[in-house]
PDB file of N, CA and C in Angstrom:
ATOM      1  N   MET A   1      12.993  -6.147  15.317  1.00  0.00           N
ATOM      2  CA  MET A   1      12.808  -6.510  16.401  1.00  0.00           C
ATOM      3  C   MET A   1      11.764  -7.631  16.160  1.00  0.00           C
ATOM      4  N   GLU A   2      12.098  -8.971  16.263  1.00  0.00           N
ATOM      5  CA  GLU A   2      11.791 -10.039  16.739  1.00  0.00           C
ATOM      6  C   GLU A   2       9.777  -9.793  17.541  1.00  0.00           C
ATOM      7  N   CYS A   3       8.793 -10.127  17.070  1.00  0.00           N
ATOM      8  CA  CYS A   3       7.483 -10.121  17.859  1.00  0.00           C
ATOM      9  C   CYS A   3       8.044 -11.472  18.677  1.00  0.00           C
ATOM     10  N   LEU A   4       7.190 -11.100  20.557  1.00  0.00           N
ATOM     11  CA  LEU A   4       7.507 -12.182  21.287  1.00  0.00           C
ATOM     12  C   LEU A   4       5.857 -12.307  21.333  1.00  0.00           C
ATOM     13  N   ASP A   5       6.002 -13.576  22.142  1.00  0.00           N
ATOM     14  CA  ASP A   5       4.970 -14.006  22.630  1.00  0.00           C
ATOM     15  C   ASP A   5       4.281 -13.495  23.683  1.00  0.00           C
ATOM     16  N   ASP A   6       3.044 -13.545  24.384  1.00  0.00           N
ATOM     17  CA  ASP A   6       2.211 -13.137  24.815  1.00  0.00           C
ATOM     18  C   ASP A   6       2.942 -13.077  26.858  1.00  0.00           C
ATOM     19  N   ASP A   7       3.741 -14.277  26.744  1.00  0.00           N
ATOM     20  CA  ASP A   7       4.436 -14.785  27.730  1.00  0.00           C
ATOM     21  C   ASP A   7       5.409 -14.340  28.218  1.00  0.00           C
ATOM     22  N   ALA A   8       6.186 -13.971  27.112  1.00  0.00           N
ATOM     23  CA  ALA A   8       7.573 -12.903  27.107  1.00  0.00           C
ATOM     24  C   ALA A   8       7.416 -11.908  26.927  1.00  0.00           C
ATOM     25  N   MET A   9       6.352 -11.590  26.416  1.00  0.00           N
ATOM     26  CA  MET A   9       5.495  -9.582  26.781  1.00  0.00           C
ATOM     27  C   MET A   9       5.753  -9.570  28.622  1.00  0.00           C
ATOM     28  N   LEU A  10       5.020 -10.191  28.954  1.00  0.00           N
ATOM     29  CA  LEU A  10       4.879 -10.297  30.497  1.00  0.00           C
ATOM     30  C   LEU A  10       6.034 -10.078  31.087  1.00  0.00           C
ATOM     31  N   GLU A  11       6.752 -10.937  30.997  1.00  0.00           N
ATOM     32  CA  GLU A  11       8.117 -11.349  31.603  1.00  0.00           C
ATOM     33  C   GLU A  11       8.688 -10.206  31.291  1.00  0.00           C
ATOM     34  N   LEU A  12       8.832  -9.428  30.456  1.00  0.00           N
ATOM     35  CA  LEU A  12       9.680  -8.067  29.746  1.00  0.00           C
ATOM     36  C   LEU A  12       9.087  -6.947  30.717  1.00  0.00           C
ATOM     37  N   ALA A  13       8.180  -7.062  30.515  1.00  0.00           N
ATOM     38  CA  ALA A  13       7.258  -5.795  31.460  1.00  0.00           C
ATOM     39  C   ALA A  13       7.201  -5.908  32.724  1.00  0.00           C
ATOM     40  N   ASP A  14       7.358  -6.759  33.336  1.00  0.00           N
ATOM     41  CA  ASP A  14       7.577  -7.229  35.002  1.00  0.00           C
ATOM     42  C   ASP A  14       8.915  -6.792  34.943  1.00  0.00           C
ATOM     43  N   LEU A  15       9.875  -7.241  34.401  1.00  0.00           N
ATOM     44  CA  LEU A  15      11.507  -7.253  34.440  1.00  0.00           C
ATOM     45  C   LEU A  15      11.701  -5.267  34.373  1.00  0.00           C
ATOM     46  N   PHE A  16      11.283  -4.799  33.567  1.00  0.00           N
ATOM     47  CA  PHE A  16      11.121  -3.293  33.800  1.00  0.00           C
ATOM     48  C   PHE A  16      10.402  -2.786  34.928  1.00  0.00           C
ATOM     49  N   LYS A  17       9.554  -3.346  35.246  1.00  0.00           N
ATOM     50  CA  LYS A  17       8.605  -3.005  37.099  1.00  0.00           C
ATOM     51  C   LYS A  17       9.671  -3.162  37.919  1.00  0.00           C
ATOM     52  N   VAL A  18      10.625  -3.784  37.672  1.00  0.00           N
ATOM     53  CA  VAL A  18      11.646  -3.863  38.820  1.00  0.00           C
ATOM     54  C   VAL A  18      12.404  -2.478  38.716  1.00  0.00           C
ATOM     55  N   PHE A  19      12.782  -2.175  37.876  1.00  0.00           N
ATOM     56  CA  PHE A  19      13.541  -0.801  37.329  1.00  0.00           C
ATOM     57  C   PHE A  19      12.421   0.193  38.347  1.00  0.00           C
ATOM     58  N   SER A  20      11.908   0.471  38.160  1.00  0.00           N
ATOM     59  CA  SER A  20      10.715   1.773  38.586  1.00  0.00           C
ATOM     60  C   SER A  20      10.762   2.140  39.470  1.00  0.00           C
ATOM     61  N   ASP A  21      11.300   1.188  40.440  1.00  0.00           N
ATOM     62  CA  ASP A  21      11.735   2.005  42.261  1.00  0.00           C
ATOM     63  C   ASP A  21      12.994   2.401  42.047  1.00  0.00           C
ATOM     64  N   SER A  22      13.573   3.435  42.920  1.00  0.00           N
ATOM     65  CA  SER A  22      14.675   4.348  42.783  1.00  0.00           C
ATOM     66  C   SER A  22      15.707   3.617  43.372  1.00  0.00           C
ATOM     67  N   THR A  23      14.561   2.921  44.506  1.00  0.00           N
ATOM     68  CA  THR A  23      16.050   2.240  45.625  1.00  0.00           C
ATOM     69  C   THR A  23      16.462   1.227  45.309  1.00  0.00           C
ATOM     70  N   ARG A  24      15.671   0.153  44.261  1.00  0.00           N
ATOM     71  CA  ARG A  24      16.661  -0.645  43.288  1.00  0.00           C
ATOM     72  C   ARG A  24      17.478  -0.203  42.743  1.00  0.00           C
ATOM     73  N   VAL A  25      17.422   0.705  41.895  1.00  0.00           N
ATOM     74  CA  VAL A  25      17.989   1.404  40.726  1.00  0.00           C
ATOM     75  C   VAL A  25      19.442   2.084  41.724  1.00  0.00           C
ATOM     76  N   LYS A  26      19.367   2.334  42.435  1.00  0.00           N
ATOM     77  CA  LYS A  26      20.297   3.108  43.565  1.00  0.00           C
ATOM     78  C   LYS A  26      21.310   2.034  43.752  1.00  0.00           C
ATOM     79  N   ILE A  27      20.765   0.607  44.603  1.00  0.00           N
ATOM     80  CA  ILE A  27      21.488  -0.544  44.812  1.00  0.00           C
ATOM     81  C   ILE A  27      22.193  -0.978  43.433  1.00  0.00           C
ATOM     82  N   LEU A  28      21.548  -1.480  42.232  1.00  0.00           N
ATOM     83  CA  LEU A  28      21.741  -1.869  40.993  1.00  0.00           C
ATOM     84  C   LEU A  28      23.277  -0.774  40.586  1.00  0.00           C
ATOM     85  N   TYR A  29      23.318   0.295  40.841  1.00  0.00           N
ATOM     86  CA  TYR A  29      24.624   1.165  40.649  1.00  0.00           C
ATOM     87  C   TYR A  29      25.675   0.685  41.520  1.00  0.00           C
ATOM     88  N   ALA A  30      24.915   0.723  42.706  1.00  0.00           N
ATOM     89  CA  ALA A  30      26.127   0.313  44.180  1.00  0.00           C
ATOM     90  C   ALA A  30      26.690  -0.796  43.673  1.00  0.00           C
ATOM     91  N   LEU A  31      25.858  -2.076  43.119  1.00  0.00           N
ATOM     92  CA  LEU A  31      26.408  -2.996  42.856  1.00  0.00           C
ATOM     93  C   LEU A  31      27.169  -3.243  41.347  1.00  0.00           C
ATOM     94  N   ALA A  32      26.875  -2.157  40.876  1.00  0.00           N
ATOM     95  CA  ALA A  32      28.010  -1.803  39.672  1.00  0.00           C
ATOM     96  C   ALA A  32      29.660  -1.557  39.687  1.00  0.00           C
ATOM     97  N   ASP A  33      29.538  -0.919  41.004  1.00  0.00           N
ATOM     98  CA  ASP A  33      31.312  -0.953  41.578  1.00  0.00           C
ATOM     99  C   ASP A  33      31.834  -2.109  41.977  1.00  0.00           C
ATOM    100  N   GLY A  34      30.873  -3.228  42.185  1.00  0.00           N
ATOM    101  CA  GLY A  34      31.606  -4.434  42.747  1.00  0.00           C
ATOM    102  C   GLY A  34      30.933  -4.835  44.108  1.00  0.00           C
ATOM    103  N   GLU A  35      31.030  -6.280  44.007  1.00  0.00           N
ATOM    104  CA  GLU A  35      30.217  -6.685  45.497  1.00  0.00           C
ATOM    105  C   GLU A  35      30.310  -6.338  46.461  1.00  0.00           C
ATOM    106  N   ARG A  36      28.828  -6.202  47.125  1.00  0.00           N
ATOM    107  CA  ARG A  36      28.667  -5.717  48.610  1.00  0.00           C
ATOM    108  C   ARG A  36      27.766  -6.306  49.552  1.00  0.00           C
ATOM    109  N   CYS A  37      28.196  -6.600  50.617  1.00  0.00           N
ATOM    110  CA  CYS A  37      27.124  -6.946  51.585  1.00  0.00           C
ATOM    111  C   CYS A  37      25.781  -5.971  51.658  1.00  0.00           C
ATOM    112  N   VAL A  38      24.870  -6.565  52.390  1.00  0.00           N
ATOM    113  CA  VAL A  38      24.014  -5.669  53.120  1.00  0.00           C
ATOM    114  C   VAL A  38      24.106  -4.515  53.632  1.00  0.00           C
ATOM    115  N   ARG A  39      24.910  -4.293  54.494  1.00  0.00           N
ATOM    116  CA  ARG A  39      25.617  -3.684  55.448  1.00  0.00           C
ATOM    117  C   ARG A  39      26.004  -1.898  54.913  1.00  0.00           C
ATOM    118  N   ASP A  40      26.997  -2.825  53.894  1.00  0.00           N
ATOM    119  CA  ASP A  40      27.539  -1.660  53.052  1.00  0.00           C
ATOM    120  C   ASP A  40      26.827  -0.941  51.864  1.00  0.00           C
ATOM    121  N   ILE A  41      25.615  -1.907  51.638  1.00  0.00           N
ATOM    122  CA  ILE A  41      24.982  -1.149  50.458  1.00  0.00           C
ATOM    123  C   ILE A  41      23.531  -0.388  51.747  1.00  0.00           C
ATOM    124  N   ALA A  42      23.630  -0.682  52.827  1.00  0.00           N
ATOM    125  CA  ALA A  42      22.316   0.103  53.583  1.00  0.00           C
ATOM    126  C   ALA A  42      23.353   1.670  54.164  1.00  0.00           C
ATOM    127  N   GLU A  43      24.460   1.202  54.332  1.00  0.00           N
ATOM    128  CA  GLU A  43      25.200   2.665  54.698  1.00  0.00           C
ATOM    129  C   GLU A  43      25.559   3.730  53.742  1.00  0.00           C
ATOM    130  N   LEU A  44      25.691   2.855  52.891  1.00  0.00           N
ATOM    131  CA  LEU A  44      26.174   3.706  51.474  1.00  0.00           C
ATOM    132  C   LEU A  44      24.527   4.583  51.081  1.00  0.00           C
ATOM    133  N   LEU A  45      23.513   3.995  50.643  1.00  0.00           N
ATOM    134  CA  LEU A  45      22.168   4.508  50.718  1.00  0.00           C
ATOM    135  C   LEU A  45      21.463   4.979  51.921  1.00  0.00           C
ATOM    136  N   SER A  46      22.484   5.169  53.047  1.00  0.00           N
ATOM    137  CA  SER A  46      21.444   5.424  54.222  1.00  0.00           C
ATOM    138  C   SER A  46      20.249   5.163  53.836  1.00  0.00           C
ATOM    139  N   MET A  47      20.167   3.834  54.247  1.00  0.00           N
ATOM    140  CA  MET A  47      18.709   3.293  54.468  1.00  0.00           C
ATOM    141  C   MET A  47      18.822   1.989  55.779  1.00  0.00           C
ATOM    142  N   ASN A  48      18.012   1.670  56.018  1.00  0.00           N
ATOM    143  CA  ASN A  48      17.967   0.406  57.501  1.00  0.00           C
ATOM    144  C   ASN A  48      18.292  -1.048  56.462  1.00  0.00           C
ATOM    145  N   LEU A  49      18.583  -1.940  57.151  1.00  0.00           N
ATOM    146  CA  LEU A  49      19.234  -3.290  56.841  1.00  0.00           C
ATOM    147  C   LEU A  49      17.918  -4.339  55.867  1.00  0.00           C
ATOM    148  N   SER A  50      16.875  -3.852  57.389  1.00  0.00           N
ATOM    149  CA  SER A  50      15.642  -4.638  56.303  1.00  0.00           C
ATOM    150  C   SER A  50      15.077  -4.192  55.196  1.00  0.00           C
ATOM    151  N   ALA A  51      15.391  -2.921  55.262  1.00  0.00           N
ATOM    152  CA  ALA A  51      14.439  -2.184  53.740  1.00  0.00           C
ATOM    153  C   ALA A  51      15.636  -2.304  52.531  1.00  0.00           C
ATOM    154  N   ILE A  52      16.885  -2.470  52.743  1.00  0.00           N
ATOM    155  CA  ILE A  52      17.863  -3.160  51.438  1.00  0.00           C
ATOM    156  C   ILE A  52      17.392  -4.499  51.264  1.00  0.00           C
ATOM    157  N   SER A  53      17.445  -4.778  52.364  1.00  0.00           N
ATOM    158  CA  SER A  53      17.268  -6.733  52.166  1.00  0.00           C
ATOM    159  C   SER A  53      15.741  -7.084  51.480  1.00  0.00           C
ATOM    160  N   HIS A  54      14.955  -6.276  51.548  1.00  0.00           N
ATOM    161  CA  HIS A  54      13.570  -6.643  50.893  1.00  0.00           C
ATOM    162  C   HIS A  54      13.691  -6.350  49.398  1.00  0.00           C
ATOM    163  N   GLN A  55      14.863  -5.021  49.279  1.00  0.00           N
ATOM    164  CA  GLN A  55      14.764  -4.914  47.804  1.00  0.00           C
ATOM    165  C   GLN A  55      15.384  -5.739  47.182  1.00  0.00           C
ATOM    166  N   LEU A  56      16.642  -6.025  47.975  1.00  0.00           N
ATOM    167  CA  LEU A  56      17.638  -7.312  47.608  1.00  0.00           C
ATOM    168  C   LEU A  56      16.941  -8.611  46.914  1.00  0.00           C
ATOM    169  N   ARG A  57      15.833  -8.964  47.603  1.00  0.00           N
ATOM    170  CA  ARG A  57      14.983 -10.226  47.662  1.00  0.00           C
ATOM    171  C   ARG A  57      14.431 -10.087  46.190  1.00  0.00           C
ATOM    172  N   ILE A  58      13.613  -8.617  45.863  1.00  0.00           N
ATOM    173  CA  ILE A  58      13.031  -8.388  44.434  1.00  0.00           C
ATOM    174  C   ILE A  58      14.145  -8.697  43.691  1.00  0.00           C
ATOM    175  N   LEU A  59      15.198  -7.811  43.803  1.00  0.00           N
ATOM    176  CA  LEU A  59      16.200  -7.858  42.583  1.00  0.00           C
ATOM    177  C   LEU A  59      16.804  -9.447  42.368  1.00  0.00           C
ATOM    178  N   LYS A  60      16.642 -10.109  43.614  1.00  0.00           N
ATOM    179  CA  LYS A  60      17.231 -11.201  43.280  1.00  0.00           C
ATOM    180  C   LYS A  60      16.115 -12.149  42.421  1.00  0.00           C
ATOM    181  N   GLN A  61      14.987 -11.963  43.198  1.00  0.00           N
ATOM    182  CA  GLN A  61      13.559 -12.740  42.319  1.00  0.00           C
ATOM    183  C   GLN A  61      13.882 -12.336  40.640  1.00  0.00           C
ATOM    184  N   ALA A  62      14.490 -11.480  40.690  1.00  0.00           N
ATOM    185  CA  ALA A  62      14.235 -10.735  39.035  1.00  0.00           C
ATOM    186  C   ALA A  62      15.437 -11.295  37.710  1.00  0.00           C
ATOM    187  N   LYS A  63      16.396 -12.068  38.968  1.00  0.00           N
ATOM    188  CA  LYS A  63      17.576 -12.598  38.329  1.00  0.00           C
ATOM    189  C   LYS A  63      18.514 -11.125  37.691  1.00  0.00           C
ATOM    190  N   LEU A  64      18.471  -9.845  38.824  1.00  0.00           N
ATOM    191  CA  LEU A  64      19.246  -8.854  38.230  1.00  0.00           C
ATOM    192  C   LEU A  64      20.177  -9.185  39.556  1.00  0.00           C
ATOM    193  N   VAL A  65      19.889  -9.554  40.556  1.00  0.00           N
ATOM    194  CA  VAL A  65      21.633 -10.073  41.649  1.00  0.00           C
ATOM    195  C   VAL A  65      21.682 -11.055  41.754  1.00  0.00           C
ATOM    196  N   LYS A  66      23.081 -11.818  42.189  1.00  0.00           N
ATOM    197  CA  LYS A  66      23.059 -12.896  42.704  1.00  0.00           C
ATOM    198  C   LYS A  66      23.876 -12.936  44.018  1.00  0.00           C
ATOM    199  N   ASN A  67      23.948 -13.695  44.590  1.00  0.00           N
ATOM    200  CA  ASN A  67      24.785 -13.540  45.812  1.00  0.00           C
ATOM    201  C   ASN A  67      25.552 -14.544  46.140  1.00  0.00           C
ATOM    202  N   ARG A  68      26.653 -14.751  47.239  1.00  0.00           N
ATOM    203  CA  ARG A  68      27.334 -15.652  47.545  1.00  0.00           C
ATOM    204  C   ARG A  68      27.851 -15.594  49.120  1.00  0.00           C
ATOM    205  N   LYS A  69      27.907 -16.379  49.882  1.00  0.00           N
ATOM    206  CA  LYS A  69      28.217 -16.028  51.251  1.00  0.00           C
ATOM    207  C   LYS A  69      29.170 -16.551  51.743  1.00  0.00           C
ATOM    208  N   ASP A  70      30.095 -15.933  52.822  1.00  0.00           N
ATOM    209  CA  ASP A  70      31.210 -15.856  52.992  1.00  0.00           C
ATOM    210  C   ASP A  70      31.291 -16.146  54.534  1.00  0.00           C
ATOM    211  N   GLY A  71      31.081 -17.321  55.227  1.00  0.00           N
ATOM    212  CA  GLY A  71      30.861 -17.474  56.473  1.00  0.00           C
ATOM    213  C   GLY A  71      29.079 -16.837  56.827  1.00  0.00           C
ATOM    214  N   LYS A  72      29.012 -16.103  57.848  1.00  0.00           N
ATOM    215  CA  LYS A  72      27.444 -15.194  58.055  1.00  0.00           C
ATOM    216  C   LYS A  72      27.557 -14.109  57.197  1.00  0.00           C
ATOM    217  N   THR A  73      28.835 -13.835  56.520  1.00  0.00           N
ATOM    218  CA  THR A  73      28.418 -12.515  55.445  1.00  0.00           C
ATOM    219  C   THR A  73      27.387 -13.245  54.133  1.00  0.00           C
ATOM    220  N   VAL A  74      26.353 -12.266  53.541  1.00  0.00           N
ATOM    221  CA  VAL A  74      25.963 -12.337  52.687  1.00  0.00           C
ATOM    222  C   VAL A  74      26.536 -11.177  50.739  1.00  0.00           C
ATOM    223  N   PHE A  75      27.361 -11.394  50.410  1.00  0.00           N
ATOM    224  CA  PHE A  75      27.843 -10.469  49.241  1.00  0.00           C
ATOM    225  C   PHE A  75      26.870 -10.805  48.111  1.00  0.00           C
ATOM    226  N   TYR A  76      26.311  -9.635  47.780  1.00  0.00           N
ATOM    227  CA  TYR A  76      25.873  -9.669  46.525  1.00  0.00           C
ATOM    228  C   TYR A  76      26.657  -8.865  45.472  1.00  0.00           C
ATOM    229  N   SER A  77      26.352  -9.025  43.641  1.00  0.00           N
ATOM    230  CA  SER A  77      26.405  -8.773  42.768  1.00  0.00           C
ATOM    231  C   SER A  77      25.719  -8.279  41.749  1.00  0.00           C
ATOM    232  N   LEU A  78      26.190  -7.684  40.741  1.00  0.00           N
ATOM    233  CA  LEU A  78      25.242  -7.439  39.417  1.00  0.00           C
ATOM    234  C   LEU A  78      25.243  -8.938  38.979  1.00  0.00           C
ATOM    235  N   ALA A  79      24.058  -9.805  38.524  1.00  0.00           N
ATOM    236  CA  ALA A  79      23.697 -10.937  37.811  1.00  0.00           C
ATOM    237  C   ALA A  79      24.779 -11.451  36.828  1.00  0.00           C
ATOM    238  N   ASP A  80      24.966 -10.571  35.740  1.00  0.00           N
ATOM    239  CA  ASP A  80      25.553 -10.230  34.331  1.00  0.00           C
ATOM    240  C   ASP A  80      25.709  -9.123  34.071  1.00  0.00           C
ATOM    241  N   ASP A  81      26.256  -9.356  33.165  1.00  0.00           N
ATOM    242  CA  ASP A  81      27.352  -7.791  32.280  1.00  0.00           C
ATOM    243  C   ASP A  81      25.402  -7.142  31.586  1.00  0.00           C
ATOM    244  N   HIS A  82      24.703  -7.776  31.433  1.00  0.00           N
ATOM    245  CA  HIS A  82      23.221  -7.180  30.585  1.00  0.00           C
ATOM    246  C   HIS A  82      23.076  -6.310  32.052  1.00  0.00           C
ATOM    247  N   VAL A  83      22.895  -6.713  33.104  1.00  0.00           N
ATOM    248  CA  VAL A  83      22.295  -5.627  34.136  1.00  0.00           C
ATOM    249  C   VAL A  83      22.609  -4.541  34.003  1.00  0.00           C
ATOM    250  N   GLU A  84      24.244  -4.057  34.184  1.00  0.00           N
ATOM    251  CA  GLU A  84      24.733  -3.080  33.728  1.00  0.00           C
ATOM    252  C   GLU A  84      24.410  -2.284  32.512  1.00  0.00           C
ATOM    253  N   SER A  85      24.492  -2.786  31.763  1.00  0.00           N
ATOM    254  CA  SER A  85      24.067  -2.424  30.569  1.00  0.00           C
ATOM    255  C   SER A  85      22.665  -1.794  30.223  1.00  0.00           C
ATOM    256  N   ILE A  86      21.594  -2.546  30.830  1.00  0.00           N
ATOM    257  CA  ILE A  86      20.676  -1.785  31.023  1.00  0.00           C
ATOM    258  C   ILE A  86      20.786  -0.639  32.032  1.00  0.00           C
ATOM    259  N   LEU A  87      21.287  -0.494  32.663  1.00  0.00           N
ATOM    260  CA  LEU A  87      21.294   0.378  33.417  1.00  0.00           C
ATOM    261  C   LEU A  87      22.227   1.541  32.576  1.00  0.00           C
ATOM    262  N   ARG A  88      23.377   1.318  31.738  1.00  0.00           N
ATOM    263  CA  ARG A  88      23.610   2.398  31.067  1.00  0.00           C
ATOM    264  C   ARG A  88      23.001   2.637  30.266  1.00  0.00           C
ATOM    265  N   ILE A  89      21.998   2.233  29.083  1.00  0.00           N
ATOM    266  CA  ILE A  89      21.686   2.375  28.295  1.00  0.00           C
ATOM    267  C   ILE A  89      20.864   3.473  28.668  1.00  0.00           C
ATOM    268  N   GLY A  90      19.583   3.036  29.686  1.00  0.00           N
ATOM    269  CA  GLY A  90      18.740   4.161  30.466  1.00  0.00           C
ATOM    270  C   GLY A  90      19.113   5.033  30.553  1.00  0.00           C
ATOM    271  N   MET A  91      20.350   5.338  31.310  1.00  0.00           N
ATOM    272  CA  MET A  91      20.813   6.262  31.147  1.00  0.00           C
ATOM    273  C   MET A  91      21.423   7.283  30.511  1.00  0.00           C
ATOM    274  N   GLU A  92      22.097   7.045  29.471  1.00  0.00           N
ATOM    275  CA  GLU A  92      22.230   7.653  28.326  1.00  0.00           C
ATOM    276  C   GLU A  92      21.082   7.865  27.602  1.00  0.00           C
ATOM    277  N   HIS A  93      20.103   7.178  27.465  1.00  0.00           N
ATOM    278  CA  HIS A  93      18.314   7.564  27.067  1.00  0.00           C
ATOM    279  C   HIS A  93      17.791   9.015  27.645  1.00  0.00           C
ATOM    280  N   ILE A  94      17.891   8.612  28.973  1.00  0.00           N
ATOM    281  CA  ILE A  94      17.304   9.925  29.667  1.00  0.00           C
ATOM    282  C   ILE A  94      18.019  11.360  29.766  1.00  0.00           C
ATOM    283  N   LEU A  95      19.606  11.083  29.201  1.00  0.00           N
ATOM    284  CA  LEU A  95      20.301  12.047  29.663  1.00  0.00           C
ATOM    285  C   LEU A  95      20.664  12.828  27.931  1.00  0.00           C
ATOM    286  N   GLU A  96      20.267  12.189  26.780  1.00  0.00           N
ATOM    287  CA  GLU A  96      19.559  12.524  25.305  1.00  0.00           C
ATOM    288  C   GLU A  96      19.286  14.123  25.393  1.00  0.00           C
TER     289      GLU A  96
END
């Protein structure tokens, strides 16, 4: 594995911090099944809209999710295939 500079190491550590919250991981798993709006995610996780919106904001800032608007509704999805890979590899690791 290549050695990264300090800035890259800090960025990588910050990325893994985002995965340290179980609510955010649950949201990512929900989005792995496909695009969803905030209301759908809130219902699925039995949480209120503002809590889900707050976590989605963090996930978006970390570039783990993306969104699109359709009228007044905002739909969220995983940013790319890497996010699903991180989840899958992490789960494989803990299930060993």
